[in-house]
């Protein structure tokens, strides 16, 4: 459409009015063609492209409202300005409800042509803004879709890379004889796997901003249990969680906390037999959440071999990032670790 010469189709059964409208609008830089009946107007719209239609109400055979309905059924119909000489406001209201963008009264004082030109100009401007908005919204949607696809691909590659790192650590662990070194490598592998699991969830999820905590932890617990079986421990790990969705960064922190607490319980709760039960529960109510990891083992042993304390510092840091804290209680039998957090 040329902004200087919009194409107007005027539909009216009065040839004299059509010629006057054509002359008046041409003086304002518009290219006007006309049709004297609804069928003829519809046929012109099917054959050619017009920027806007001005449609009279009173016509033989079909009223303007009926023709308006047929216009709106066309593919990509142009905006319609309704024209009526009736003083019944219900006609104008019905036209607007049927999809007209504006209406103009055929007044007896001769203001009709100027009012029609003004209505057409306003309608064309609104239509231009609407189309520009639709284009902008489509471009935003396309850009968002491209970004989400790219982000999924990044998460896919990160998950694969971290899985390879964990595999290298496990391979090195299998070739180390020193018990302390093996435990350090085991813990390191579990930490890397916990982070990889989050990225794996992100590239298979429709929402890359959050993680389904129950699904993520279930998979993480299963991986950690397989790791313990490989170490010769026969542990029953029971997991229960409320449906909770966490932002990605919080899910990573949560996974690391669970990994540390579960790994500690697997190592130290049942040193004599390597057999027993460990329970993990996650619940949330409103703005408060709670993680519990507990066992029925030997309890907190002050004579147990001490490590570097790195695990405890990691747990404390991750708990703080989740807006909570860790509490350890010696139940004798067993240890109960409780972490509060903000979902």
Protein backbone atom coordinates (compact mmCIF):
# COMPACT_ATOMS: atom_id res chain seq x y z
CA UNK A 1 0.00 0.00 0.00
CA UNK A 2 1.23 3.46 -0.82
CA UNK A 3 0.71 5.80 2.12
CA UNK A 4 0.06 8.66 -0.37
CA UNK A 5 -2.43 6.73 -2.49
CA UNK A 6 -4.45 4.19 -0.54
CA UNK A 7 -6.87 2.09 -2.58
CA UNK A 8 -10.49 2.42 -1.43
CA UNK A 9 -13.47 0.32 -2.51
CA UNK A 10 -16.76 2.15 -1.94
CA UNK A 11 -19.87 -0.08 -2.02
CA UNK A 12 -23.15 1.81 -2.46
CA UNK A 13 -26.19 1.29 -4.69
CA UNK A 14 -26.44 5.03 -5.48
CA UNK A 15 -24.23 5.82 -8.54
CA UNK A 16 -24.43 9.57 -7.86
CA UNK A 17 -23.13 9.19 -4.29
CA UNK A 18 -20.40 6.86 -5.55
CA UNK A 19 -19.12 9.46 -8.01
CA UNK A 20 -19.20 12.22 -5.40
CA UNK A 21 -17.32 10.05 -2.93
CA UNK A 22 -14.78 9.16 -5.61
CA UNK A 23 -14.22 12.84 -6.41
CA UNK A 24 -14.03 13.93 -2.76
CA UNK A 25 -11.57 11.23 -1.72
CA UNK A 26 -9.46 11.61 -4.87
CA UNK A 27 -8.93 15.23 -3.85
CA UNK A 28 -7.36 13.83 -0.67
CA UNK A 29 -4.95 11.55 -2.54
CA UNK A 30 -7.01 8.34 -2.44
CA UNK A 31 -7.65 5.98 -5.36
CA UNK A 32 -11.35 5.12 -5.21
CA UNK A 33 -13.27 2.44 -7.05
CA UNK A 34 -16.89 1.57 -6.41
CA UNK A 35 -19.42 -1.23 -6.66
CA UNK A 36 -23.21 -0.85 -6.67
CA UNK A 37 -24.13 -4.07 -4.80
CA UNK A 38 -22.79 -6.43 -2.21
CA UNK A 39 -22.09 -9.27 -4.67
CA UNK A 40 -20.21 -6.93 -6.99
CA UNK A 41 -18.16 -5.62 -4.06
CA UNK A 42 -17.25 -9.10 -2.86
CA UNK A 43 -16.25 -10.05 -6.42
CA UNK A 44 -13.92 -7.02 -6.63
CA UNK A 45 -12.33 -7.89 -3.29
CA UNK A 46 -11.69 -11.43 -4.49
CA UNK A 47 -10.08 -10.16 -7.68
CA UNK A 48 -7.97 -7.31 -6.40
CA UNK A 49 -6.35 -5.94 -3.27
CA UNK A 50 -7.80 -2.88 -1.56
CA UNK A 51 -6.46 -1.11 1.51
CA UNK A 52 -9.90 -0.32 2.92
CA UNK A 53 -13.63 -0.65 2.18
CA UNK A 54 -16.37 1.92 2.80
CA UNK A 55 -19.72 0.14 2.93
CA UNK A 56 -23.24 1.60 2.79
CA UNK A 57 -25.99 0.11 4.96
CA UNK A 58 -29.07 0.41 2.71
CA UNK A 59 -28.67 -1.66 -0.46
CA UNK A 60 -31.05 -3.91 -2.40
CA UNK A 61 -30.81 -7.65 -1.91
CA UNK A 62 -28.41 -7.55 1.03
CA UNK A 63 -27.92 -5.00 3.77
CA UNK A 64 -24.51 -3.60 4.53
CA UNK A 65 -24.39 -5.73 7.69
CA UNK A 66 -24.81 -8.90 5.64
CA UNK A 67 -22.12 -7.81 3.19
CA UNK A 68 -19.84 -6.94 6.11
CA UNK A 69 -20.17 -10.50 7.38
CA UNK A 70 -19.15 -11.85 3.98
CA UNK A 71 -16.16 -9.50 3.82
CA UNK A 72 -14.91 -10.66 7.23
CA UNK A 73 -14.96 -14.25 5.92
CA UNK A 74 -12.48 -13.41 3.15
CA UNK A 75 -8.83 -14.34 3.68
CA UNK A 76 -6.99 -11.29 5.08
CA UNK A 77 -9.98 -8.93 4.73
CA UNK A 78 -9.31 -5.17 4.58
CA UNK A 79 -10.67 -2.89 7.32
CA UNK A 80 -14.25 -1.71 6.76
CA UNK A 81 -15.76 1.72 7.52
CA UNK A 82 -19.54 1.46 7.76
CA UNK A 83 -21.66 4.19 6.19
CA UNK A 84 -25.30 4.74 7.11
CA UNK A 85 -27.97 7.37 6.68
CA UNK A 86 -30.04 5.82 9.45
CA UNK A 87 -30.36 7.72 12.70
CA UNK A 88 -30.80 4.42 14.54
CA UNK A 89 -27.72 4.01 16.74
CA UNK A 90 -28.36 0.27 16.90
CA UNK A 91 -27.21 -0.02 13.28
CA UNK A 92 -23.85 1.56 14.07
CA UNK A 93 -23.42 -0.59 17.18
CA UNK A 94 -24.28 -3.73 15.22
CA UNK A 95 -21.73 -2.79 12.54
CA UNK A 96 -18.96 -2.30 15.09
CA UNK A 97 -19.81 -5.61 16.75
CA UNK A 98 -19.72 -7.30 13.34
CA UNK A 99 -16.16 -6.10 12.74
CA UNK A 100 -16.32 -2.60 11.24
CA UNK A 101 -13.47 -0.38 12.40
CA UNK A 102 -15.58 2.80 12.32
CA UNK A 103 -18.87 4.23 11.06
CA UNK A 104 -19.89 7.51 9.40
CA UNK A 105 -23.32 9.17 9.27
CA UNK A 106 -24.60 10.44 5.92
CA UNK A 107 -25.68 13.83 7.19
CA UNK A 108 -27.83 16.31 5.34
CA UNK A 109 -25.41 19.21 5.88
CA UNK A 110 -22.72 17.90 3.49
CA UNK A 111 -20.13 16.95 6.12
CA UNK A 112 -20.29 13.32 5.05
CA UNK A 113 -17.37 13.37 2.59
CA UNK A 114 -14.96 15.04 5.01
CA UNK A 115 -16.02 12.70 7.82
CA UNK A 116 -15.58 9.67 5.58
CA UNK A 117 -12.09 10.80 4.52
CA UNK A 118 -11.11 11.35 8.16
CA UNK A 119 -12.52 7.95 9.19
CA UNK A 120 -10.66 6.22 6.35
CA UNK A 121 -7.38 7.94 7.26
CA UNK A 122 -7.74 6.98 10.93
CA UNK A 123 -8.67 3.39 10.07
CA UNK A 124 -5.69 3.02 7.73
CA UNK A 125 -3.34 4.33 10.41
CA UNK A 126 -4.75 1.89 12.97
CA UNK A 127 -4.40 -0.95 10.50
CA UNK A 128 -0.81 0.01 9.79
CA UNK A 129 0.01 0.04 13.49
CA UNK A 130 -1.76 -3.31 13.96
CA UNK A 131 0.24 -4.92 11.17
CA UNK A 132 3.50 -3.47 12.46
CA UNK A 133 2.66 -4.80 15.93
CA UNK A 134 1.95 -8.25 14.53
CA UNK A 135 5.25 -8.24 12.65
CA UNK A 136 7.13 -7.13 15.78
CA UNK A 137 5.42 -9.78 17.94
CA UNK A 138 6.19 -12.47 15.37
CA UNK A 139 9.84 -11.42 15.26
CA UNK A 140 10.00 -11.50 19.07
CA UNK A 141 8.47 -14.99 19.11
CA UNK A 142 10.88 -16.20 16.46
CA UNK A 143 13.86 -14.71 18.32
CA UNK A 144 12.67 -16.30 21.57
CA UNK A 145 12.25 -19.68 19.87
CA UNK A 146 15.73 -19.46 18.37
CA UNK A 147 17.18 -18.53 21.76
CA UNK A 148 15.41 -21.45 23.45
CA UNK A 149 16.66 -23.88 20.81
CA UNK A 150 20.19 -22.53 21.21
CA UNK A 151 19.94 -22.76 25.00
CA UNK A 152 18.74 -26.36 24.79
CA UNK A 153 21.68 -27.18 22.55
CA UNK A 154 24.08 -25.52 25.01
CA UNK A 155 22.59 -27.52 27.91
CA UNK A 156 22.86 -30.69 25.83
CA UNK A 157 26.53 -30.12 25.16
CA UNK A 158 27.27 -29.12 28.75
CA UNK A 159 25.52 -32.25 30.06
CA UNK A 160 27.47 -34.45 27.66
CA UNK A 161 30.76 -32.80 28.57
CA UNK A 162 30.13 -33.13 32.31
CA UNK A 163 29.13 -36.77 31.86
CA UNK A 164 32.43 -37.41 30.09
CA UNK A 165 34.29 -35.71 32.95
CA UNK A 166 32.45 -37.89 35.50
CA UNK A 167 33.34 -40.98 33.44
CA UNK A 168 37.03 -40.00 33.44
CA UNK A 169 36.92 -39.52 37.22
CA UNK A 170 35.27 -42.93 37.68
CA UNK A 171 37.86 -44.53 35.41
CA UNK A 172 40.64 -43.00 37.48
CA UNK A 173 38.91 -44.10 40.71
CA UNK A 174 38.80 -47.71 39.53
CA UNK A 175 42.60 -47.69 39.17
CA UNK A 176 43.39 -46.17 42.56
CA UNK A 177 44.13 -48.45 45.52
CA UNK A 178 44.24 -45.83 48.27
CA UNK A 179 40.89 -45.80 50.10
CA UNK A 180 40.88 -42.07 50.84
CA UNK A 181 41.74 -41.19 47.25
CA UNK A 182 39.00 -43.49 45.98
CA UNK A 183 36.44 -41.81 48.25
CA UNK A 184 37.53 -38.34 47.13
CA UNK A 185 37.18 -39.32 43.48
CA UNK A 186 33.84 -40.98 44.18
CA UNK A 187 32.52 -37.80 45.77
CA UNK A 188 33.89 -35.65 42.96
CA UNK A 189 32.20 -37.86 40.35
CA UNK A 190 28.88 -37.61 42.20
CA UNK A 191 29.11 -33.80 42.34
CA UNK A 192 29.81 -33.53 38.62
CA UNK A 193 26.97 -35.95 37.83
CA UNK A 194 24.55 -33.89 39.94
CA UNK A 195 25.30 -30.78 37.88
CA UNK A 196 25.17 -32.72 34.60
CA UNK A 197 21.74 -34.07 35.55
CA UNK A 198 20.33 -30.54 35.80
CA UNK A 199 21.54 -29.65 32.31
CA UNK A 200 20.16 -32.95 31.03
CA UNK A 201 16.76 -32.03 32.44
CA UNK A 202 16.96 -28.56 30.86
CA UNK A 203 17.52 -29.71 27.31
CA UNK A 204 14.64 -32.23 27.51
CA UNK A 205 12.23 -29.77 29.16
CA UNK A 206 9.88 -27.25 27.54
CA UNK A 207 10.81 -24.73 30.24
CA UNK A 208 14.53 -23.94 30.38
CA UNK A 209 14.07 -21.56 33.31
CA UNK A 210 13.06 -24.13 35.91
CA UNK A 211 13.48 -27.78 36.85
CA UNK A 212 10.96 -30.33 38.11
CA UNK A 213 12.69 -31.10 41.40
CA UNK A 214 10.97 -34.44 42.05
CA UNK A 215 11.85 -35.85 38.63
CA UNK A 216 15.39 -34.50 38.80
CA UNK A 217 16.10 -35.90 42.29
CA UNK A 218 14.54 -39.27 41.45
CA UNK A 219 16.98 -39.67 38.58
CA UNK A 220 19.88 -38.37 40.68
CA UNK A 221 19.12 -40.81 43.51
CA UNK A 222 19.01 -43.71 41.06
CA UNK A 223 22.42 -42.75 39.67
CA UNK A 224 23.92 -42.46 43.16
CA UNK A 225 22.45 -45.82 44.17
CA UNK A 226 24.06 -47.47 41.14
CA UNK A 227 27.34 -45.89 42.18
CA UNK A 228 27.02 -47.39 45.69
CA UNK A 229 26.23 -50.82 44.26
CA UNK A 230 29.46 -50.54 42.29
CA UNK A 231 31.25 -49.91 45.58
CA UNK A 232 29.77 -53.08 47.08
CA UNK A 233 27.18 -51.38 49.31
CA UNK A 234 23.68 -52.92 49.47
CA UNK A 235 21.61 -49.89 50.50
CA UNK A 236 17.86 -49.34 50.19
CA UNK A 237 17.39 -45.67 49.29
CA UNK A 238 13.81 -44.48 49.60
CA UNK A 239 12.82 -41.19 48.02
CA UNK A 240 9.65 -39.13 48.38
CA UNK A 241 9.02 -35.57 47.21
CA UNK A 242 6.19 -33.10 46.78
CA UNK A 243 5.75 -31.61 43.29
CA UNK A 244 8.17 -28.66 43.36
CA UNK A 245 9.57 -26.50 40.57
CA UNK A 246 12.84 -24.67 41.20
CA UNK A 247 14.80 -22.13 39.14
CA UNK A 248 17.78 -23.70 37.41
CA UNK A 249 20.47 -22.27 39.69
CA UNK A 250 18.59 -23.38 42.80
CA UNK A 251 18.09 -26.87 41.36
CA UNK A 252 21.87 -27.21 40.89
CA UNK A 253 22.48 -26.19 44.52
CA UNK A 254 19.76 -28.56 45.74
CA UNK A 255 21.18 -31.46 43.78
CA UNK A 256 24.64 -30.89 45.21
CA UNK A 257 23.27 -30.84 48.79
CA UNK A 258 21.39 -34.10 48.25
CA UNK A 259 24.47 -35.64 46.65
CA UNK A 260 26.70 -34.67 49.59
CA UNK A 261 24.26 -35.82 52.28
CA UNK A 262 23.38 -39.07 50.53
CA UNK A 263 27.01 -39.88 49.76
CA UNK A 264 27.96 -39.29 53.41
CA UNK A 265 25.14 -41.54 54.61
CA UNK A 266 26.17 -44.26 52.18
CA UNK A 267 29.78 -44.11 53.34
CA UNK A 268 29.40 -43.83 57.10
CA UNK A 269 25.94 -44.98 58.26
CA UNK A 270 26.51 -48.74 57.99
CA UNK A 271 30.28 -49.32 58.09
CA UNK A 272 30.12 -52.91 59.33
CA UNK A 273 27.79 -54.45 56.76
CA UNK A 274 27.31 -51.85 54.06
CA UNK A 275 23.62 -52.69 54.22
CA UNK A 276 20.73 -50.57 55.49
CA UNK A 277 18.11 -47.99 54.63
CA UNK A 278 18.43 -44.31 53.80
CA UNK A 279 15.37 -42.09 53.44
CA UNK A 280 15.09 -38.82 51.53
CA UNK A 281 12.03 -36.62 51.81
CA UNK A 282 11.34 -33.23 50.22
CA UNK A 283 8.27 -31.19 51.08
CA UNK A 284 7.07 -27.64 50.56
CA UNK A 285 4.26 -25.54 51.93
CA UNK A 286 3.84 -21.97 50.75
CA UNK A 287 7.17 -20.16 50.95
CA UNK A 288 8.90 -22.81 53.08
CA UNK A 289 10.46 -26.10 52.04
CA UNK A 290 12.22 -28.88 53.90
CA UNK A 291 14.70 -31.57 52.88
CA UNK A 292 15.31 -34.53 55.20
CA UNK A 293 17.99 -37.19 54.70
CA UNK A 294 18.10 -39.80 57.47
CA UNK A 295 19.36 -43.29 58.20
CA UNK A 296 19.25 -45.88 61.00
CA UNK A 297 22.99 -46.38 61.18
CA UNK A 298 25.67 -45.81 63.79
CA UNK A 299 24.99 -42.11 64.27
CA UNK A 300 27.55 -39.33 64.37
CA UNK A 301 30.89 -40.97 65.12
CA UNK A 302 33.55 -38.72 66.60
CA UNK A 303 36.16 -41.41 66.03
CA UNK A 304 35.36 -41.66 62.29
CA UNK A 305 38.12 -40.72 59.85
CA UNK A 306 38.04 -36.98 59.27
CA UNK A 307 38.24 -35.49 55.81
CA UNK A 308 39.13 -32.07 54.53
CA UNK A 309 35.81 -30.57 55.57
CA UNK A 310 35.20 -29.52 51.97
CA UNK A 311 31.89 -31.40 51.83
CA UNK A 312 30.56 -29.60 54.90
CA UNK A 313 31.56 -26.22 53.48
CA UNK A 314 29.91 -27.03 50.16
CA UNK A 315 26.69 -28.08 51.91
CA UNK A 316 26.67 -24.88 53.97
CA UNK A 317 27.25 -22.68 50.92
CA UNK A 318 24.58 -24.40 48.85
CA UNK A 319 22.06 -24.28 51.72
CA UNK A 320 22.70 -20.55 52.13
CA UNK A 321 22.13 -19.98 48.39
CA UNK A 322 18.74 -21.70 48.83
CA UNK A 323 17.81 -19.31 51.63
CA UNK A 324 18.11 -21.98 54.34
CA UNK A 325 20.42 -23.82 56.67
CA UNK A 326 21.48 -27.38 57.60
CA UNK A 327 20.83 -29.07 60.92
CA UNK A 328 22.38 -32.43 61.87
CA UNK A 329 20.93 -34.47 64.71
CA UNK A 330 22.43 -37.65 66.18
CA UNK A 331 19.47 -39.97 66.72
CA UNK A 332 21.39 -43.06 67.90
CA UNK A 333 20.56 -45.03 65.89
CA UNK A 334 21.02 -42.97 62.81
CA UNK A 335 21.63 -39.43 61.70
CA UNK A 336 18.99 -37.00 60.53
CA UNK A 337 20.03 -34.09 58.29
CA UNK A 338 17.43 -31.37 57.81
CA UNK A 339 17.68 -28.43 55.43
CA UNK A 340 15.19 -25.60 55.22
CA UNK A 341 14.93 -23.80 51.88
CA UNK A 342 12.87 -21.29 49.94
CA UNK A 343 11.16 -22.85 46.86
